[in-house]
Amino acid sequence: MLLLGGISLAGLGVLGPVVLAGRVDAFYGRFTSPLAGSLIVGTSRAAQGIQPAVLEDAWLGKKFDGPLLNYAFTLTHSPYGPAYLRSIQRKLRPEVRDGLFIVAVDPWSLSLTGPEGRYPEDNSFIGQLHQVSQNPNLAYLTRYQTKPLYRLLLDYATATEHLHPDGWLEVTIGVDSAQVRARTARKLQDYRRLAASQHLSAGRLQALRQTIQFLQQHGHVCLVRLPVGPSLLQLEQTYQPGFDQLMRQTATALAIPYLDYSTQPYATTDGNHLQRAASLSFSQQLAKDLAAALASH
């Protein structure tokens, strides 16, 4: 039996420490970890920006069911929709009743290109992977890990991305001002193209509400908008000027808190993702604000 991309069973033995530790790529470890008691969901902003260990150190472990897992992926894989909701349902322990659920939102995670009802992520691992807590996860390795053995070993040794066991994606890249400006300019171009081709999706909004309602059956939910750079925020305000009000209305209708950090001056790597140090300080602030917000609900 061969694993797609040239990883044989013998090769899997060589890769054992990497595979069993969930260190194959930026996603795999989330599908090998145990079922969760609390979740962070969203796209790569949340994946890189919210550190579960910081929240647990602050107060979570004493008040909510664990473990807390960052189950956020990317804008391609985990915008809100039926597929992501099903994956979230599979990842959560069914008996949980006192979990904490951080639902990260932005205009792009609720947008769609093309007609309503056709979701590109249906054809990705989010839509097709049914086993989300299996180690090793052969279904993922055979279908979604496509690198040959030597590349997998080399890339792991030199990776700029490190997926922690709790799901936080740590990214190590240069953050001097010239590098950040260049990345921000490229990212802004990417999102300008999205703004020109996408619309705020009624189907994704419905899926967001359904996701919140499902999670409410298992504990406490908070809607969160993460910080971004000023140029990307300006684009978001032009693309969807009513987005923040829509999120406030959604939170009010579902009786959950909404924390909006979009204008807060945290440092980013590219205007879109928080730098490692900023991720730490943001997670510390989020822990304090969550405690206060949930106490009032």
Protein backbone atom coordinates (compact mmCIF):
# COMPACT_ATOMS: atom_id res chain seq x y z
CA MET A 1 0.00 0.00 0.00
CA LEU A 2 1.32 3.40 -0.97
CA LEU A 3 0.39 6.71 0.56
CA LEU A 4 -0.28 9.37 -2.03
CA GLY A 5 2.84 11.37 -2.83
CA GLY A 6 5.23 8.46 -2.47
CA ILE A 7 5.04 7.72 1.26
CA SER A 8 5.15 3.94 1.67
CA LEU A 9 4.44 2.02 4.84
CA ALA A 10 8.18 1.73 5.33
CA GLY A 11 8.43 5.47 4.83
CA LEU A 12 5.69 5.97 7.36
CA GLY A 13 7.91 4.16 9.84
CA VAL A 14 10.73 6.59 9.12
CA LEU A 15 8.31 9.46 9.51
CA GLY A 16 6.81 8.03 12.71
CA PRO A 17 7.94 10.78 15.11
CA VAL A 18 6.79 13.48 12.70
CA VAL A 19 3.48 11.86 11.78
CA LEU A 20 2.49 10.73 15.27
CA ALA A 21 3.29 14.17 16.67
CA GLY A 22 0.98 15.72 14.08
CA ARG A 23 3.78 17.70 12.44
CA VAL A 24 3.11 16.87 8.80
CA ASP A 25 1.87 20.31 7.72
CA ALA A 26 -0.08 23.34 8.94
CA PHE A 27 -3.34 21.36 9.25
CA TYR A 28 -2.73 17.69 9.94
CA GLY A 29 -2.26 17.87 13.72
CA ARG A 30 -5.78 19.20 14.18
CA PHE A 31 -7.07 15.93 12.72
CA THR A 32 -4.99 13.70 14.98
CA SER A 33 -5.66 15.42 18.33
CA PRO A 34 -8.36 14.12 20.70
CA LEU A 35 -11.92 15.36 20.49
CA ALA A 36 -12.14 18.84 21.97
CA GLY A 37 -14.14 20.29 24.85
CA SER A 38 -13.74 23.92 23.71
CA LEU A 39 -12.94 25.36 20.29
CA ILE A 40 -11.61 28.40 18.45
CA VAL A 41 -13.05 28.50 14.93
CA GLY A 42 -12.46 30.77 11.96
CA THR A 43 -9.83 31.29 9.29
CA SER A 44 -6.07 31.82 9.35
CA ARG A 45 -6.41 35.10 11.27
CA ALA A 46 -7.65 33.09 14.23
CA ALA A 47 -5.31 30.17 13.55
CA GLN A 48 -2.28 32.44 13.96
CA GLY A 49 -3.77 35.09 16.22
CA ILE A 50 -5.32 33.19 19.16
CA GLN A 51 -3.18 30.99 21.41
CA PRO A 52 -5.19 28.42 23.38
CA ALA A 53 -2.37 27.94 25.91
CA VAL A 54 -2.54 31.62 26.86
CA LEU A 55 -6.29 31.43 27.47
CA GLU A 56 -5.93 28.26 29.51
CA ASP A 57 -3.11 29.74 31.58
CA ALA A 58 -5.22 32.81 32.29
CA TRP A 59 -8.44 31.16 33.43
CA LEU A 60 -10.03 28.76 30.99
CA GLY A 61 -8.98 25.45 32.50
CA LYS A 62 -10.65 26.35 35.80
CA LYS A 63 -13.99 27.31 34.30
CA PHE A 64 -14.64 25.50 31.03
CA ASP A 65 -14.37 22.02 29.57
CA GLY A 66 -11.12 21.24 27.84
CA PRO A 67 -9.07 20.68 25.96
CA LEU A 68 -9.31 23.97 24.11
CA LEU A 69 -8.34 23.47 20.47
CA ASN A 70 -7.71 26.09 17.82
CA TYR A 71 -9.72 24.55 14.96
CA ALA A 72 -9.35 27.49 12.57
CA PHE A 73 -7.77 26.83 9.16
CA THR A 74 -7.71 29.24 6.21
CA LEU A 75 -10.06 31.39 4.16
CA THR A 76 -9.95 28.70 1.47
CA HIS A 77 -10.75 25.82 3.82
CA SER A 78 -12.84 27.19 6.69
CA PRO A 79 -15.15 30.03 5.76
CA TYR A 80 -18.50 29.52 7.45
CA GLY A 81 -20.66 27.04 5.60
CA PRO A 82 -22.29 23.62 5.90
CA ALA A 83 -18.99 21.75 5.47
CA TYR A 84 -17.17 23.61 8.24
CA LEU A 85 -20.14 23.19 10.56
CA ARG A 86 -20.12 19.42 10.00
CA SER A 87 -16.39 19.29 10.70
CA ILE A 88 -16.85 21.29 13.91
CA GLN A 89 -19.61 18.91 14.98
CA ARG A 90 -17.31 15.95 14.43
CA LYS A 91 -14.46 17.51 16.41
CA LEU A 92 -16.40 18.35 19.56
CA ARG A 93 -17.06 15.77 22.29
CA PRO A 94 -20.84 15.25 22.20
CA GLU A 95 -21.25 15.20 25.98
CA VAL A 96 -19.68 18.66 26.49
CA ARG A 97 -22.04 21.13 28.18
CA ASP A 98 -19.63 23.73 29.62
CA GLY A 99 -17.30 24.48 26.73
CA LEU A 100 -15.93 27.80 25.54
CA PHE A 101 -16.30 28.63 21.85
CA ILE A 102 -14.59 31.58 20.19
CA VAL A 103 -16.13 32.23 16.78
CA ALA A 104 -13.86 34.54 14.76
CA VAL A 105 -15.50 36.52 11.96
CA ASP A 106 -14.58 38.99 9.23
CA PRO A 107 -16.27 39.94 5.95
CA TRP A 108 -14.26 37.42 3.91
CA SER A 109 -15.21 34.42 6.05
CA LEU A 110 -18.85 35.14 5.17
CA SER A 111 -18.35 35.90 1.48
CA LEU A 112 -18.79 33.77 -1.61
CA THR A 113 -17.77 33.84 -5.26
CA GLY A 114 -20.49 32.65 -7.60
CA PRO A 115 -24.03 31.50 -6.92
CA GLU A 116 -25.41 30.76 -3.49
CA GLY A 117 -25.28 27.14 -2.39
CA ARG A 118 -22.04 26.25 -4.15
CA TYR A 119 -19.23 26.18 -1.62
CA PRO A 120 -15.68 25.50 -2.88
CA GLU A 121 -14.57 24.08 0.49
CA ASP A 122 -16.95 21.15 -0.02
CA ASN A 123 -14.20 19.64 -2.17
CA SER A 124 -11.44 20.16 0.42
CA PHE A 125 -10.51 18.18 3.52
CA ILE A 126 -12.99 20.28 5.50
CA GLY A 127 -15.81 18.94 3.37
CA GLN A 128 -14.58 15.42 2.79
CA LEU A 129 -12.59 14.25 5.83
CA HIS A 130 -14.83 12.35 8.23
CA GLN A 131 -12.14 11.10 10.63
CA VAL A 132 -10.98 14.20 12.49
CA SER A 133 -9.39 12.65 15.61
CA GLN A 134 -7.35 9.68 14.44
CA ASN A 135 -3.59 9.26 14.90
CA PRO A 136 -2.12 8.50 12.46
CA ASN A 137 -4.83 9.87 10.25
CA LEU A 138 -4.36 7.76 7.15
CA ALA A 139 -7.38 9.29 5.42
CA TYR A 140 -5.70 12.70 5.54
CA LEU A 141 -2.27 11.36 4.62
CA THR A 142 -3.51 9.42 1.63
CA ARG A 143 -5.67 12.19 0.18
CA TYR A 144 -4.35 15.57 1.29
CA GLN A 145 -0.65 15.19 2.11
CA THR A 146 0.93 15.02 -1.33
CA LYS A 147 4.63 15.66 -0.74
CA PRO A 148 7.16 12.88 -1.36
CA LEU A 149 8.94 11.47 1.68
CA TYR A 150 12.19 13.40 1.31
CA ARG A 151 10.34 16.70 0.90
CA LEU A 152 8.20 16.06 3.95
CA LEU A 153 11.25 15.47 6.12
CA LEU A 154 13.15 18.44 4.66
CA ASP A 155 10.22 20.81 4.87
CA TYR A 156 9.54 19.87 8.47
CA ALA A 157 13.15 20.58 9.39
CA THR A 158 13.09 24.00 7.73
CA ALA A 159 9.43 24.97 8.15
CA THR A 160 8.44 28.54 8.92
CA GLU A 161 5.09 27.20 10.15
CA HIS A 162 4.81 25.23 13.39
CA LEU A 163 1.44 23.79 14.31
CA HIS A 164 1.28 23.40 18.08
CA PRO A 165 -0.59 20.46 19.65
CA ASP A 166 -3.35 22.86 20.76
CA GLY A 167 -3.90 24.01 17.17
CA TRP A 168 -2.15 27.38 17.33
CA LEU A 169 -0.22 27.97 14.09
CA GLU A 170 3.05 29.72 14.90
CA VAL A 171 4.62 31.40 11.87
CA THR A 172 8.25 32.47 11.96
CA ILE A 173 9.06 35.04 9.27
CA GLY A 174 10.92 38.33 9.14
CA VAL A 175 9.06 41.30 10.56
CA ASP A 176 11.27 44.26 9.77
CA SER A 177 9.37 47.22 8.36
CA ALA A 178 10.38 46.68 4.72
CA GLN A 179 9.32 43.03 4.76
CA VAL A 180 6.00 43.83 6.41
CA ARG A 181 5.28 46.64 3.93
CA ALA A 182 5.98 44.38 0.97
CA ARG A 183 3.82 41.55 2.28
CA THR A 184 1.04 43.97 3.18
CA ALA A 185 1.00 45.40 -0.33
CA ARG A 186 0.71 41.92 -1.84
CA LYS A 187 -1.99 40.87 0.60
CA LEU A 188 -3.97 44.02 -0.09
CA GLN A 189 -3.92 43.23 -3.80
CA ASP A 190 -5.21 39.74 -3.08
CA TYR A 191 -8.11 41.08 -1.07
CA ARG A 192 -8.93 43.78 -3.58
CA ARG A 193 -9.43 41.00 -6.11
CA LEU A 194 -11.69 39.19 -3.66
CA ALA A 195 -13.70 42.36 -3.06
CA ALA A 196 -14.23 42.72 -6.80
CA SER A 197 -15.47 39.16 -7.25
CA GLN A 198 -17.29 38.23 -4.03
CA HIS A 199 -20.49 39.11 -2.22
CA LEU A 200 -21.65 38.74 1.36
CA SER A 201 -23.35 35.36 1.31
CA ALA A 202 -26.78 34.70 2.79
CA GLY A 203 -25.87 31.01 2.94
CA ARG A 204 -22.70 31.65 4.89
CA LEU A 205 -24.54 33.96 7.28
CA GLN A 206 -27.09 31.23 7.87
CA ALA A 207 -24.28 28.72 8.47
CA LEU A 208 -22.65 31.11 10.96
CA ARG A 209 -25.90 31.34 12.90
CA GLN A 210 -26.32 27.55 12.78
CA THR A 211 -22.74 27.11 13.99
CA ILE A 212 -23.35 29.44 16.93
CA GLN A 213 -26.63 27.72 17.78
CA PHE A 214 -24.98 24.30 17.70
CA LEU A 215 -22.14 25.45 19.94
CA GLN A 216 -24.57 27.08 22.38
CA GLN A 217 -25.90 23.61 23.12
CA HIS A 218 -22.43 22.75 24.45
CA GLY A 219 -21.42 25.86 26.38
CA HIS A 220 -20.59 29.55 26.04
CA VAL A 221 -20.05 31.27 22.69
CA CYS A 222 -18.37 34.60 21.94
CA LEU A 223 -18.18 36.27 18.53
CA VAL A 224 -14.79 37.91 17.92
CA ARG A 225 -13.37 40.11 15.16
CA LEU A 226 -9.57 40.09 15.23
CA PRO A 227 -7.23 43.04 14.64
CA VAL A 228 -5.96 43.79 11.12
CA GLY A 229 -3.75 46.42 9.57
CA PRO A 230 -5.30 49.82 8.75
CA SER A 231 -5.15 49.41 4.95
CA LEU A 232 -6.96 46.07 4.99
CA LEU A 233 -9.49 47.36 7.50
CA GLN A 234 -10.22 50.31 5.22
CA LEU A 235 -10.81 47.90 2.33
CA GLU A 236 -13.13 45.80 4.49
CA GLN A 237 -15.12 48.88 5.48
CA THR A 238 -15.48 49.83 1.82
CA TYR A 239 -16.39 46.28 0.77
CA GLN A 240 -18.93 45.70 3.56
CA PRO A 241 -19.62 48.98 5.39
CA GLY A 242 -22.42 47.40 7.43
CA PHE A 243 -20.51 44.33 8.54
CA ASP A 244 -19.81 45.35 12.11
CA GLN A 245 -23.43 46.33 12.69
CA LEU A 246 -24.55 43.03 11.17
CA MET A 247 -22.33 41.12 13.60
CA ARG A 248 -23.66 43.12 16.54
CA GLN A 249 -27.22 42.35 15.45
CA THR A 250 -26.36 38.67 15.06
CA ALA A 251 -24.79 38.53 18.51
CA THR A 252 -27.74 40.32 20.08
CA ALA A 253 -30.27 38.04 18.38
CA LEU A 254 -28.44 34.96 19.63
CA ALA A 255 -27.72 36.41 23.09
CA ILE A 256 -23.93 36.14 22.88
CA PRO A 257 -21.17 38.75 23.35
CA TYR A 258 -19.39 40.34 20.42
CA LEU A 259 -15.82 41.62 20.83
CA ASP A 260 -14.52 43.81 17.99
CA TYR A 261 -10.75 44.37 17.89
CA SER A 262 -10.55 45.31 14.21
CA THR A 263 -9.24 48.83 14.88
CA GLN A 264 -6.79 47.85 17.63
CA PRO A 265 -3.11 48.56 16.75
CA TYR A 266 -1.59 45.08 17.00
CA ALA A 267 1.41 44.39 14.74
CA THR A 268 0.85 42.14 11.73
CA THR A 269 3.13 40.24 9.38
CA ASP A 270 1.16 41.22 6.27
CA GLY A 271 -1.78 43.41 7.29
CA ASN A 272 -3.86 40.27 7.82
CA HIS A 273 -2.13 38.01 10.38
CA LEU A 274 -0.77 38.95 13.78
CA GLN A 275 2.94 38.71 14.47
CA ARG A 276 3.96 36.10 17.05
CA ALA A 277 4.52 38.65 19.82
CA ALA A 278 1.26 40.42 18.97
CA SER A 279 -0.56 37.09 19.03
CA LEU A 280 0.63 36.58 22.59
CA SER A 281 -0.43 40.02 23.81
CA PHE A 282 -3.74 39.83 21.94
CA SER A 283 -4.52 36.41 23.44
CA GLN A 284 -3.81 37.78 26.91
CA GLN A 285 -6.18 40.70 26.33
CA LEU A 286 -8.80 38.41 24.83
CA ALA A 287 -8.68 36.17 27.91
CA LYS A 288 -9.47 39.15 30.16
CA ASP A 289 -12.21 40.47 27.90
CA LEU A 290 -13.82 37.04 27.50
CA ALA A 291 -14.03 36.61 31.26
CA ALA A 292 -15.80 39.96 31.61
CA ALA A 293 -18.06 39.50 28.57
CA LEU A 294 -19.22 36.02 29.50
CA ALA A 295 -19.81 37.03 33.11
CA SER A 296 -22.36 39.58 31.90
CA HIS A 297 -24.27 37.08 29.73
